[in-house]
Structures are given as C-alpha cells and as structure tokens.
PDB file of all heavy atoms in Angstrom:
ATOM      1  N   SER A   1     103.713 129.551 119.223  1.00  0.00           N
ATOM      2  CA  SER A   1     104.031 128.924 120.480  1.00  0.00           C
ATOM      3  C   SER A   1     102.764 128.943 121.379  1.00  0.00           C
ATOM      4  O   SER A   1     102.132 130.022 121.620  1.00  0.00           O
ATOM      5  CB  SER A   1     105.135 129.794 121.176  1.00  0.00           C
ATOM      6  OG  SER A   1     106.216 129.835 120.409  1.00  0.00           O
ATOM      7  N   SER A   2     102.494 127.711 121.995  1.00  0.00           N
ATOM      8  CA  SER A   2     101.401 127.736 123.005  1.00  0.00           C
ATOM      9  C   SER A   2     101.842 128.556 124.180  1.00  0.00           C
ATOM     10  O   SER A   2     102.987 128.449 124.631  1.00  0.00           O
ATOM     11  CB  SER A   2     101.131 126.242 123.415  1.00  0.00           C
ATOM     12  OG  SER A   2     100.288 126.249 124.607  1.00  0.00           O
ATOM     13  N   ILE A   3     100.891 129.378 124.713  1.00  0.00           N
ATOM     14  CA  ILE A   3     101.236 130.192 125.857  1.00  0.00           C
ATOM     15  C   ILE A   3     100.470 129.592 127.060  1.00  0.00           C
ATOM     16  O   ILE A   3     100.398 130.253 128.173  1.00  0.00           O
ATOM     17  CB  ILE A   3     101.044 131.637 125.671  1.00  0.00           C
ATOM     18  CG1 ILE A   3      99.664 132.009 125.275  1.00  0.00           C
ATOM     19  CG2 ILE A   3     102.053 132.224 124.641  1.00  0.00           C
ATOM     20  CD1 ILE A   3      99.386 133.496 125.309  1.00  0.00           C
ATOM     21  N   MET A   4     100.021 128.443 126.907  1.00  0.00           N
ATOM     22  CA  MET A   4      99.196 127.804 127.964  1.00  0.00           C
ATOM     23  C   MET A   4     100.106 127.236 129.140  1.00  0.00           C
ATOM     24  O   MET A   4     101.174 126.720 128.779  1.00  0.00           O
ATOM     25  CB  MET A   4      98.409 126.656 127.429  1.00  0.00           C
ATOM     26  CG  MET A   4      97.494 127.082 126.345  1.00  0.00           C
ATOM     27  SD  MET A   4      96.147 128.129 126.917  1.00  0.00           S
ATOM     28  CE  MET A   4      95.210 126.941 127.947  1.00  0.00           C
ATOM     29  N   THR A   5      99.722 127.396 130.324  1.00  0.00           N
ATOM     30  CA  THR A   5     100.400 126.805 131.450  1.00  0.00           C
ATOM     31  C   THR A   5      99.631 125.680 132.059  1.00  0.00           C
ATOM     32  O   THR A   5     100.083 125.055 133.114  1.00  0.00           O
ATOM     33  CB  THR A   5     100.662 127.885 132.553  1.00  0.00           C
ATOM     34  OG1 THR A   5      99.294 128.419 132.968  1.00  0.00           O
ATOM     35  CG2 THR A   5     101.476 129.079 132.052  1.00  0.00           C
ATOM     36  N   GLY A   6      98.541 125.313 131.447  1.00  0.00           N
ATOM     37  CA  GLY A   6      97.702 124.156 131.838  1.00  0.00           C
ATOM     38  C   GLY A   6      96.886 123.625 130.723  1.00  0.00           C
ATOM     39  O   GLY A   6      96.786 124.327 129.707  1.00  0.00           O
ATOM     40  N   THR A   7      96.159 122.611 130.928  1.00  0.00           N
ATOM     41  CA  THR A   7      95.288 121.956 129.894  1.00  0.00           C
ATOM     42  C   THR A   7      93.868 122.536 130.134  1.00  0.00           C
ATOM     43  O   THR A   7      93.372 122.561 131.283  1.00  0.00           O
ATOM     44  CB  THR A   7      95.245 120.418 130.048  1.00  0.00           C
ATOM     45  OG1 THR A   7      96.624 120.038 129.903  1.00  0.00           O
ATOM     46  CG2 THR A   7      94.454 119.814 128.932  1.00  0.00           C
ATOM     47  N   VAL A   8      93.116 122.788 129.064  1.00  0.00           N
ATOM     48  CA  VAL A   8      91.819 123.320 129.106  1.00  0.00           C
ATOM     49  C   VAL A   8      90.974 122.524 128.053  1.00  0.00           C
ATOM     50  O   VAL A   8      91.448 122.359 126.874  1.00  0.00           O
ATOM     51  CB  VAL A   8      91.714 124.852 128.839  1.00  0.00           C
ATOM     52  CG1 VAL A   8      90.284 125.249 128.759  1.00  0.00           C
ATOM     53  CG2 VAL A   8      92.450 125.619 129.853  1.00  0.00           C
ATOM     54  N   THR A   9      89.803 122.049 128.425  1.00  0.00           N
ATOM     55  CA  THR A   9      88.941 121.404 127.476  1.00  0.00           C
ATOM     56  C   THR A   9      87.507 122.057 127.642  1.00  0.00           C
ATOM     57  O   THR A   9      87.165 122.576 128.742  1.00  0.00           O
ATOM     58  CB  THR A   9      88.829 119.982 127.653  1.00  0.00           C
ATOM     59  OG1 THR A   9      88.491 119.647 129.067  1.00  0.00           O
ATOM     60  CG2 THR A   9      90.143 119.144 127.351  1.00  0.00           C
ATOM     61  N   THR A  10      86.762 121.951 126.585  1.00  0.00           N
ATOM     62  CA  THR A  10      85.394 122.438 126.658  1.00  0.00           C
ATOM     63  C   THR A  10      84.540 121.560 127.476  1.00  0.00           C
ATOM     64  O   THR A  10      84.674 120.353 127.453  1.00  0.00           O
ATOM     65  CB  THR A  10      84.797 122.674 125.285  1.00  0.00           C
ATOM     66  OG1 THR A  10      84.796 121.473 124.597  1.00  0.00           O
ATOM     67  CG2 THR A  10      85.557 123.741 124.493  1.00  0.00           C
ATOM     68  N   VAL A  11      83.435 122.053 128.136  1.00  0.00           N
ATOM     69  CA  VAL A  11      82.606 121.142 128.932  1.00  0.00           C
ATOM     70  C   VAL A  11      81.301 121.011 128.118  1.00  0.00           C
ATOM     71  O   VAL A  11      81.203 121.432 126.953  1.00  0.00           O
ATOM     72  CB  VAL A  11      82.283 121.927 130.243  1.00  0.00           C
ATOM     73  CG1 VAL A  11      83.537 121.970 131.200  1.00  0.00           C
ATOM     74  CG2 VAL A  11      81.704 123.284 130.169  1.00  0.00           C
ATOM     75  N   ALA A  12      80.289 120.406 128.745  1.00  0.00           N
ATOM     76  CA  ALA A  12      79.045 120.006 128.032  1.00  0.00           C
ATOM     77  C   ALA A  12      78.400 121.014 127.224  1.00  0.00           C
ATOM     78  O   ALA A  12      77.821 120.665 126.183  1.00  0.00           O
ATOM     79  CB  ALA A  12      78.106 119.297 129.023  1.00  0.00           C
ATOM     80  N   ASN A  13      78.389 122.289 127.615  1.00  0.00           N
ATOM     81  CA  ASN A  13      77.719 123.258 126.903  1.00  0.00           C
ATOM     82  C   ASN A  13      78.678 124.047 125.944  1.00  0.00           C
ATOM     83  O   ASN A  13      78.359 125.031 125.438  1.00  0.00           O
ATOM     84  CB  ASN A  13      77.014 124.290 127.824  1.00  0.00           C
ATOM     85  CG  ASN A  13      77.943 125.028 128.725  1.00  0.00           C
ATOM     86  OD1 ASN A  13      79.164 124.834 128.718  1.00  0.00           O
ATOM     87  ND2 ASN A  13      77.394 125.998 129.500  1.00  0.00           N
ATOM     88  N   GLY A  14      79.848 123.481 125.768  1.00  0.00           N
ATOM     89  CA  GLY A  14      80.944 124.121 124.889  1.00  0.00           C
ATOM     90  C   GLY A  14      81.647 125.183 125.564  1.00  0.00           C
ATOM     91  O   GLY A  14      82.569 125.756 124.845  1.00  0.00           O
ATOM     92  N   ALA A  15      81.444 125.486 126.836  1.00  0.00           N
ATOM     93  CA  ALA A  15      82.129 126.560 127.506  1.00  0.00           C
ATOM     94  C   ALA A  15      83.597 126.155 127.877  1.00  0.00           C
ATOM     95  O   ALA A  15      83.815 124.992 128.131  1.00  0.00           O
ATOM     96  CB  ALA A  15      81.325 126.972 128.789  1.00  0.00           C
ATOM     97  N   PHE A  16      84.404 127.153 128.019  1.00  0.00           N
ATOM     98  CA  PHE A  16      85.698 127.030 128.591  1.00  0.00           C
ATOM     99  C   PHE A  16      86.246 128.258 129.340  1.00  0.00           C
ATOM    100  O   PHE A  16      85.643 129.319 129.179  1.00  0.00           O
ATOM    101  CB  PHE A  16      86.732 126.690 127.492  1.00  0.00           C
ATOM    102  CG  PHE A  16      86.815 127.801 126.399  1.00  0.00           C
ATOM    103  CD1 PHE A  16      87.703 128.884 126.582  1.00  0.00           C
ATOM    104  CD2 PHE A  16      86.080 127.724 125.259  1.00  0.00           C
ATOM    105  CE1 PHE A  16      87.811 129.842 125.551  1.00  0.00           C
ATOM    106  CE2 PHE A  16      86.174 128.721 124.332  1.00  0.00           C
ATOM    107  CZ  PHE A  16      87.006 129.783 124.439  1.00  0.00           C
ATOM    108  N   THR A  17      87.165 128.054 130.283  1.00  0.00           N
ATOM    109  CA  THR A  17      87.677 129.178 130.996  1.00  0.00           C
ATOM    110  C   THR A  17      89.182 128.998 130.952  1.00  0.00           C
ATOM    111  O   THR A  17      89.650 127.909 131.252  1.00  0.00           O
ATOM    112  CB  THR A  17      87.197 129.155 132.508  1.00  0.00           C
ATOM    113  OG1 THR A  17      85.814 129.273 132.393  1.00  0.00           O
ATOM    114  CG2 THR A  17      87.783 130.295 133.315  1.00  0.00           C
ATOM    115  N   LEU A  18      89.963 130.025 130.636  1.00  0.00           N
ATOM    116  CA  LEU A  18      91.324 130.060 130.512  1.00  0.00           C
ATOM    117  C   LEU A  18      91.974 130.697 131.825  1.00  0.00           C
ATOM    118  O   LEU A  18      93.196 130.996 131.732  1.00  0.00           O
ATOM    119  CB  LEU A  18      91.819 130.731 129.281  1.00  0.00           C
ATOM    120  CG  LEU A  18      91.395 130.029 128.056  1.00  0.00           C
ATOM    121  CD1 LEU A  18      91.955 130.786 126.820  1.00  0.00           C
ATOM    122  CD2 LEU A  18      91.871 128.575 127.967  1.00  0.00           C
ATOM    123  N   THR A  19      91.234 131.002 132.779  1.00  0.00           N
ATOM    124  CA  THR A  19      91.663 131.678 133.992  1.00  0.00           C
ATOM    125  C   THR A  19      92.899 131.024 134.558  1.00  0.00           C
ATOM    126  O   THR A  19      92.943 129.831 134.864  1.00  0.00           O
ATOM    127  CB  THR A  19      90.620 131.754 135.039  1.00  0.00           C
ATOM    128  OG1 THR A  19      89.399 132.219 134.497  1.00  0.00           O
ATOM    129  CG2 THR A  19      91.020 132.530 136.247  1.00  0.00           C
ATOM    130  N   GLY A  20      94.084 131.852 134.635  1.00  0.00           N
ATOM    131  CA  GLY A  20      95.286 131.360 135.166  1.00  0.00           C
ATOM    132  C   GLY A  20      95.956 130.271 134.442  1.00  0.00           C
ATOM    133  O   GLY A  20      96.927 129.627 134.845  1.00  0.00           O
ATOM    134  N   LYS A  21      95.625 129.983 133.156  1.00  0.00           N
ATOM    135  CA  LYS A  21      96.192 128.936 132.418  1.00  0.00           C
ATOM    136  C   LYS A  21      97.005 129.420 131.231  1.00  0.00           C
ATOM    137  O   LYS A  21      97.341 128.621 130.397  1.00  0.00           O
ATOM    138  CB  LYS A  21      95.016 128.103 131.804  1.00  0.00           C
ATOM    139  CG  LYS A  21      94.081 127.529 132.824  1.00  0.00           C
ATOM    140  CD  LYS A  21      94.749 126.292 133.437  1.00  0.00           C
ATOM    141  CE  LYS A  21      93.761 125.592 134.338  1.00  0.00           C
ATOM    142  NZ  LYS A  21      94.291 124.376 134.813  1.00  0.00           N
ATOM    143  N   TYR A  22      97.411 130.654 131.239  1.00  0.00           N
ATOM    144  CA  TYR A  22      98.295 131.184 130.105  1.00  0.00           C
ATOM    145  C   TYR A  22      99.074 132.344 130.668  1.00  0.00           C
ATOM    146  O   TYR A  22      98.786 132.956 131.675  1.00  0.00           O
ATOM    147  CB  TYR A  22      97.486 131.690 128.919  1.00  0.00           C
ATOM    148  CG  TYR A  22      96.744 132.996 129.095  1.00  0.00           C
ATOM    149  CD1 TYR A  22      97.324 134.243 128.734  1.00  0.00           C
ATOM    150  CD2 TYR A  22      95.517 133.002 129.721  1.00  0.00           C
ATOM    151  CE1 TYR A  22      96.641 135.406 129.060  1.00  0.00           C
ATOM    152  CE2 TYR A  22      94.873 134.197 130.029  1.00  0.00           C
ATOM    153  CZ  TYR A  22      95.460 135.389 129.667  1.00  0.00           C
ATOM    154  OH  TYR A  22      94.807 136.561 129.940  1.00  0.00           O
ATOM    155  N   THR A  23     100.213 132.619 130.034  1.00  0.00           N
ATOM    156  CA  THR A  23     101.076 133.775 130.279  1.00  0.00           C
ATOM    157  C   THR A  23     101.471 134.390 129.019  1.00  0.00           C
ATOM    158  O   THR A  23     101.951 133.703 128.123  1.00  0.00           O
ATOM    159  CB  THR A  23     102.343 133.259 131.086  1.00  0.00           C
ATOM    160  OG1 THR A  23     101.968 132.656 132.279  1.00  0.00           O
ATOM    161  CG2 THR A  23     103.175 134.452 131.464  1.00  0.00           C
ATOM    162  N   CYS A  24     101.257 135.732 128.891  1.00  0.00           N
ATOM    163  CA  CYS A  24     101.644 136.448 127.726  1.00  0.00           C
ATOM    164  C   CYS A  24     103.131 136.602 127.644  1.00  0.00           C
ATOM    165  O   CYS A  24     103.787 137.014 128.618  1.00  0.00           O
ATOM    166  CB  CYS A  24     101.067 137.833 127.726  1.00  0.00           C
ATOM    167  SG  CYS A  24      99.299 137.887 127.677  1.00  0.00           S
TER     168      CYS A  24
END
C-alpha cells in the first residue's frame, strides 16, 4: 500500500523530499 499523501518526483540532481507527503 502506498502511504503517500502527495506526489513526489526527483529533481535535476536526483534529490527528493518526502516531507509531509506520507502517513505511517
């Protein structure tokens, strides 16, 4: 089950942030 509450994609340097985008 995805526990994401929003969409996240990597940026130009491959970085990503999941801040506030998931719930356990």
